[in-house]
Amino acid sequence: MEMIETAWAVSNLIQHQHLLTPEHPVKHAWRVPTSPTEQKRTAERRNVAVPARLTWKDQYGTTRFASVVTRNVSEFGVYVECHSPVSIPLYRLVHFQLEREVRDADGLPQSLRQGRALSAVYRVNPPKPSGARQGLALRLMVDPRRLVATEAAVPATVNQEGTRATA
């Protein structure tokens, strides 16, 4: 039952991202561009093709596995292609794991190098008759506080007024 409640919460979050405000602790993966040519993404997407696997529980609670190949990755998400078609509904929570021998490959974010990463399926591209494989877009369930902590390269100090200042 907990898995269903968690899946509902994730789907609700993804569907209602436009309602989030700066007062809420969840960070958008998208932001409003300041110019028409500016990227909307907050994290750079990199083309990386490495083997990985997905693990999830189906509607009956049976653990399922799928071998996949990443096509592009960012700090917040990954797009994968499946070797064979799988039945994974939108917003299903899955564990994404890179194969052990490629975890140190160039261009991979730190969140993917650790092992299994919890993620939610937010787009499913079905296989095409032309032979194109089934694709899945996964939203990584990355803790925004951890991401902010790694981005803070400038140490903060306390000035004489007792407020924080950067060095």
C-alpha atoms as a PDB file:
ATOM      1  CA  MET A   1       0.000   0.000   0.000  1.00  0.00           C
ATOM      2  CA  GLU A   2       2.906   2.346   0.782  1.00  0.00           C
ATOM      3  CA  MET A   3       4.232   1.894  -2.780  1.00  0.00           C
ATOM      4  CA  ILE A   4       0.849   2.949  -4.225  1.00  0.00           C
ATOM      5  CA  GLU A   5       0.729   6.039  -1.986  1.00  0.00           C
ATOM      6  CA  THR A   6       4.291   6.958  -2.958  1.00  0.00           C
ATOM      7  CA  ALA A   7       3.525   6.474  -6.664  1.00  0.00           C
ATOM      8  CA  TRP A   8       0.440   8.677  -6.295  1.00  0.00           C
ATOM      9  CA  ALA A   9       2.498  11.380  -4.583  1.00  0.00           C
ATOM     10  CA  VAL A  10       5.122  11.289  -7.338  1.00  0.00           C
ATOM     11  CA  SER A  11       2.515  11.470 -10.109  1.00  0.00           C
ATOM     12  CA  ASN A  12       0.786  14.321  -8.321  1.00  0.00           C
ATOM     13  CA  LEU A  13       4.093  16.201  -7.971  1.00  0.00           C
ATOM     14  CA  ILE A  14       5.006  15.740 -11.642  1.00  0.00           C
ATOM     15  CA  GLN A  15       1.547  16.765 -12.866  1.00  0.00           C
ATOM     16  CA  HIS A  16       1.372  19.866 -10.661  1.00  0.00           C
ATOM     17  CA  GLN A  17       4.906  21.251 -10.935  1.00  0.00           C
ATOM     18  CA  HIS A  18       3.511  24.484 -12.376  1.00  0.00           C
ATOM     19  CA  LEU A  19       1.746  25.155  -9.045  1.00  0.00           C
ATOM     20  CA  LEU A  20       4.901  25.061  -6.945  1.00  0.00           C
ATOM     21  CA  THR A  21       6.131  28.343  -5.513  1.00  0.00           C
ATOM     22  CA  PRO A  22       9.490  29.485  -4.087  1.00  0.00           C
ATOM     23  CA  GLU A  23       8.164  28.854  -0.570  1.00  0.00           C
ATOM     24  CA  HIS A  24       7.993  25.099  -1.254  1.00  0.00           C
ATOM     25  CA  PRO A  25      11.138  22.967  -0.782  1.00  0.00           C
ATOM     26  CA  VAL A  26      10.873  21.174  -4.159  1.00  0.00           C
ATOM     27  CA  LYS A  27      12.952  22.621  -6.988  1.00  0.00           C
ATOM     28  CA  HIS A  28      11.650  22.659 -10.546  1.00  0.00           C
ATOM     29  CA  ALA A  29      13.663  20.861 -13.182  1.00  0.00           C
ATOM     30  CA  TRP A  30      12.302  23.511 -15.588  1.00  0.00           C
ATOM     31  CA  ARG A  31      12.403  27.260 -15.252  1.00  0.00           C
ATOM     32  CA  VAL A  32      11.018  30.175 -17.225  1.00  0.00           C
ATOM     33  CA  PRO A  33      13.479  31.255 -19.943  1.00  0.00           C
ATOM     34  CA  THR A  34      14.508  34.912 -20.080  1.00  0.00           C
ATOM     35  CA  SER A  35      14.974  34.818 -23.853  1.00  0.00           C
ATOM     36  CA  PRO A  36      13.492  32.686 -26.654  1.00  0.00           C
ATOM     37  CA  THR A  37      16.848  31.001 -27.362  1.00  0.00           C
ATOM     38  CA  GLU A  38      17.691  30.191 -23.724  1.00  0.00           C
ATOM     39  CA  GLN A  39      17.521  26.584 -22.484  1.00  0.00           C
ATOM     40  CA  LYS A  40      14.635  25.793 -20.121  1.00  0.00           C
ATOM     41  CA  ARG A  41      16.572  23.097 -18.290  1.00  0.00           C
ATOM     42  CA  THR A  42      18.362  23.765 -15.026  1.00  0.00           C
ATOM     43  CA  ALA A  43      20.787  20.871 -15.561  1.00  0.00           C
ATOM     44  CA  GLU A  44      22.796  20.165 -18.677  1.00  0.00           C
ATOM     45  CA  ARG A  45      21.718  17.101 -20.647  1.00  0.00           C
ATOM     46  CA  ARG A  46      24.593  14.963 -21.967  1.00  0.00           C
ATOM     47  CA  ASN A  47      24.459  12.252 -24.623  1.00  0.00           C
ATOM     48  CA  VAL A  48      25.809   9.118 -22.979  1.00  0.00           C
ATOM     49  CA  ALA A  49      25.242   5.546 -24.159  1.00  0.00           C
ATOM     50  CA  VAL A  50      25.998   3.077 -21.355  1.00  0.00           C
ATOM     51  CA  PRO A  51      24.278  -0.159 -20.279  1.00  0.00           C
ATOM     52  CA  ALA A  52      21.995  -0.105 -17.259  1.00  0.00           C
ATOM     53  CA  ARG A  53      19.069  -1.966 -15.754  1.00  0.00           C
ATOM     54  CA  LEU A  54      15.671  -1.117 -14.348  1.00  0.00           C
ATOM     55  CA  THR A  55      13.972  -2.875 -11.445  1.00  0.00           C
ATOM     56  CA  TRP A  56      10.328  -2.338 -10.472  1.00  0.00           C
ATOM     57  CA  LYS A  57       7.288  -4.104  -9.089  1.00  0.00           C
ATOM     58  CA  ASP A  58       4.345  -4.679 -11.396  1.00  0.00           C
ATOM     59  CA  GLN A  59       0.681  -4.293 -10.453  1.00  0.00           C
ATOM     60  CA  TYR A  60       0.715  -7.727  -8.775  1.00  0.00           C
ATOM     61  CA  GLY A  61       3.805  -7.020  -6.674  1.00  0.00           C
ATOM     62  CA  THR A  62       6.104  -9.177  -8.798  1.00  0.00           C
ATOM     63  CA  THR A  63       9.633  -7.818  -9.175  1.00  0.00           C
ATOM     64  CA  ARG A  64      10.506  -7.133 -12.822  1.00  0.00           C
ATOM     65  CA  PHE A  65      13.830  -6.363 -14.508  1.00  0.00           C
ATOM     66  CA  ALA A  66      14.778  -4.826 -17.841  1.00  0.00           C
ATOM     67  CA  SER A  67      18.119  -4.236 -19.552  1.00  0.00           C
ATOM     68  CA  VAL A  68      18.366  -0.757 -21.032  1.00  0.00           C
ATOM     69  CA  VAL A  69      20.847   1.614 -22.663  1.00  0.00           C
ATOM     70  CA  THR A  70      21.025   5.264 -21.624  1.00  0.00           C
ATOM     71  CA  ARG A  71      20.750   7.822 -24.411  1.00  0.00           C
ATOM     72  CA  ASN A  72      21.101  11.031 -22.420  1.00  0.00           C
ATOM     73  CA  VAL A  73      21.509  11.912 -18.763  1.00  0.00           C
ATOM     74  CA  SER A  74      21.332  14.974 -16.525  1.00  0.00           C
ATOM     75  CA  GLU A  75      21.414  15.610 -12.788  1.00  0.00           C
ATOM     76  CA  PHE A  76      17.610  15.239 -12.624  1.00  0.00           C
ATOM     77  CA  GLY A  77      16.758  12.651 -15.257  1.00  0.00           C
ATOM     78  CA  VAL A  78      17.769  10.010 -17.730  1.00  0.00           C
ATOM     79  CA  TYR A  79      16.323   8.767 -21.020  1.00  0.00           C
ATOM     80  CA  VAL A  80      16.750   5.060 -21.717  1.00  0.00           C
ATOM     81  CA  GLU A  81      15.928   2.655 -24.538  1.00  0.00           C
ATOM     82  CA  CYS A  82      14.823  -0.877 -23.692  1.00  0.00           C
ATOM     83  CA  HIS A  83      16.313  -3.931 -25.418  1.00  0.00           C
ATOM     84  CA  SER A  84      12.841  -5.504 -25.459  1.00  0.00           C
ATOM     85  CA  PRO A  85       9.424  -3.866 -24.895  1.00  0.00           C
ATOM     86  CA  VAL A  86       8.307  -3.647 -21.267  1.00  0.00           C
ATOM     87  CA  SER A  87       5.009  -2.786 -19.648  1.00  0.00           C
ATOM     88  CA  ILE A  88       5.721   0.066 -17.232  1.00  0.00           C
ATOM     89  CA  PRO A  89       2.942   2.600 -16.656  1.00  0.00           C
ATOM     90  CA  LEU A  90       3.495   6.321 -16.215  1.00  0.00           C
ATOM     91  CA  TYR A  91       4.603   7.468 -12.758  1.00  0.00           C
ATOM     92  CA  ARG A  92       5.707   3.956 -11.727  1.00  0.00           C
ATOM     93  CA  LEU A  93       8.622   4.086  -9.327  1.00  0.00           C
ATOM     94  CA  VAL A  94      11.625   2.197 -10.659  1.00  0.00           C
ATOM     95  CA  HIS A  95      15.189   1.671  -9.502  1.00  0.00           C
ATOM     96  CA  PHE A  96      17.719   2.711 -12.132  1.00  0.00           C
ATOM     97  CA  GLN A  97      21.197   1.206 -11.894  1.00  0.00           C
ATOM     98  CA  LEU A  98      24.199   1.543 -14.186  1.00  0.00           C
ATOM     99  CA  GLU A  99      26.162  -1.604 -14.900  1.00  0.00           C
ATOM    100  CA  ARG A 100      29.104  -1.817 -12.503  1.00  0.00           C
ATOM    101  CA  GLU A 101      31.839  -1.587 -15.160  1.00  0.00           C
ATOM    102  CA  VAL A 102      30.587   1.767 -16.557  1.00  0.00           C
ATOM    103  CA  ARG A 103      29.859   3.714 -13.339  1.00  0.00           C
ATOM    104  CA  ASP A 104      33.068   5.727 -13.721  1.00  0.00           C
ATOM    105  CA  ALA A 105      32.406   6.701 -17.363  1.00  0.00           C
ATOM    106  CA  ASP A 106      32.856  10.353 -18.332  1.00  0.00           C
ATOM    107  CA  GLY A 107      29.805  12.603 -18.400  1.00  0.00           C
ATOM    108  CA  LEU A 108      27.774  10.805 -15.718  1.00  0.00           C
ATOM    109  CA  PRO A 109      26.316  12.833 -12.843  1.00  0.00           C
ATOM    110  CA  GLN A 110      27.339  11.872  -9.321  1.00  0.00           C
ATOM    111  CA  SER A 111      23.796  10.761  -8.436  1.00  0.00           C
ATOM    112  CA  LEU A 112      24.064   7.889 -10.946  1.00  0.00           C
ATOM    113  CA  ARG A 113      27.511   6.684  -9.866  1.00  0.00           C
ATOM    114  CA  GLN A 114      26.384   5.643  -6.383  1.00  0.00           C
ATOM    115  CA  GLY A 115      24.443   2.536  -7.411  1.00  0.00           C
ATOM    116  CA  ARG A 116      20.673   2.336  -7.493  1.00  0.00           C
ATOM    117  CA  ALA A 117      18.752   5.561  -7.975  1.00  0.00           C
ATOM    118  CA  LEU A 118      15.041   5.789  -7.276  1.00  0.00           C
ATOM    119  CA  SER A 119      13.203   7.375 -10.200  1.00  0.00           C
ATOM    120  CA  ALA A 120       9.730   7.810 -11.653  1.00  0.00           C
ATOM    121  CA  VAL A 121       8.658   7.077 -15.225  1.00  0.00           C
ATOM    122  CA  TYR A 122       7.299  10.308 -16.679  1.00  0.00           C
ATOM    123  CA  ARG A 123       7.257   9.548 -20.403  1.00  0.00           C
ATOM    124  CA  VAL A 124       6.894   6.299 -22.361  1.00  0.00           C
ATOM    125  CA  ASN A 125       7.720   6.220 -26.069  1.00  0.00           C
ATOM    126  CA  PRO A 126       6.389   2.978 -27.581  1.00  0.00           C
ATOM    127  CA  PRO A 127       8.524   0.971 -30.033  1.00  0.00           C
ATOM    128  CA  LYS A 128       8.024   1.912 -33.668  1.00  0.00           C
ATOM    129  CA  PRO A 129       7.353  -0.472 -36.561  1.00  0.00           C
ATOM    130  CA  SER A 130      10.496   0.947 -38.197  1.00  0.00           C
ATOM    131  CA  GLY A 131      12.528  -0.813 -35.502  1.00  0.00           C
ATOM    132  CA  ALA A 132      13.112   2.066 -33.086  1.00  0.00           C
ATOM    133  CA  ARG A 133      13.234   0.750 -29.522  1.00  0.00           C
ATOM    134  CA  GLN A 134      10.857   1.618 -26.704  1.00  0.00           C
ATOM    135  CA  GLY A 135      12.076   4.635 -24.741  1.00  0.00           C
ATOM    136  CA  LEU A 136      11.462   5.710 -21.162  1.00  0.00           C
ATOM    137  CA  ALA A 137      12.116   9.106 -19.623  1.00  0.00           C
ATOM    138  CA  LEU A 138      12.931   8.790 -15.933  1.00  0.00           C
ATOM    139  CA  ARG A 139      12.835  11.580 -13.370  1.00  0.00           C
ATOM    140  CA  LEU A 140      15.488  10.927 -10.723  1.00  0.00           C
ATOM    141  CA  MET A 141      14.243  11.375  -7.175  1.00  0.00           C
ATOM    142  CA  VAL A 142      17.250  13.506  -6.203  1.00  0.00           C
ATOM    143  CA  ASP A 143      17.183  15.341  -2.874  1.00  0.00           C
ATOM    144  CA  PRO A 144      17.379  19.060  -3.821  1.00  0.00           C
ATOM    145  CA  ARG A 145      19.233  19.860  -0.575  1.00  0.00           C
ATOM    146  CA  ARG A 146      22.026  17.448  -1.507  1.00  0.00           C
ATOM    147  CA  LEU A 147      22.281  19.024  -4.940  1.00  0.00           C
ATOM    148  CA  VAL A 148      22.445  22.542  -3.506  1.00  0.00           C
ATOM    149  CA  ALA A 149      25.137  21.452  -1.033  1.00  0.00           C
ATOM    150  CA  THR A 150      27.358  20.126  -3.827  1.00  0.00           C
ATOM    151  CA  GLU A 151      26.882  23.306  -5.900  1.00  0.00           C
ATOM    152  CA  ALA A 152      27.941  25.571  -3.017  1.00  0.00           C
ATOM    153  CA  ALA A 153      31.633  25.779  -3.817  1.00  0.00           C
ATOM    154  CA  VAL A 154      32.157  29.123  -2.027  1.00  0.00           C
ATOM    155  CA  PRO A 155      32.361  28.699   1.767  1.00  0.00           C
ATOM    156  CA  ALA A 156      30.042  30.866   3.835  1.00  0.00           C
ATOM    157  CA  THR A 157      31.263  32.875   6.802  1.00  0.00           C
ATOM    158  CA  VAL A 158      29.519  34.857   9.524  1.00  0.00           C
ATOM    159  CA  ASN A 159      30.252  38.602   9.525  1.00  0.00           C
ATOM    160  CA  GLN A 160      30.171  40.974  12.534  1.00  0.00           C
ATOM    161  CA  GLU A 161      26.421  41.584  12.214  1.00  0.00           C
ATOM    162  CA  GLY A 162      25.804  37.858  12.642  1.00  0.00           C
ATOM    163  CA  THR A 163      24.528  37.347   9.089  1.00  0.00           C
ATOM    164  CA  ARG A 164      25.984  34.956   6.584  1.00  0.00           C
ATOM    165  CA  ALA A 165      28.289  36.294   3.918  1.00  0.00           C
ATOM    166  CA  THR A 166      30.196  34.508   1.191  1.00  0.00           C
ATOM    167  CA  ALA A 167      33.947  34.753   0.994  1.00  0.00           C
END
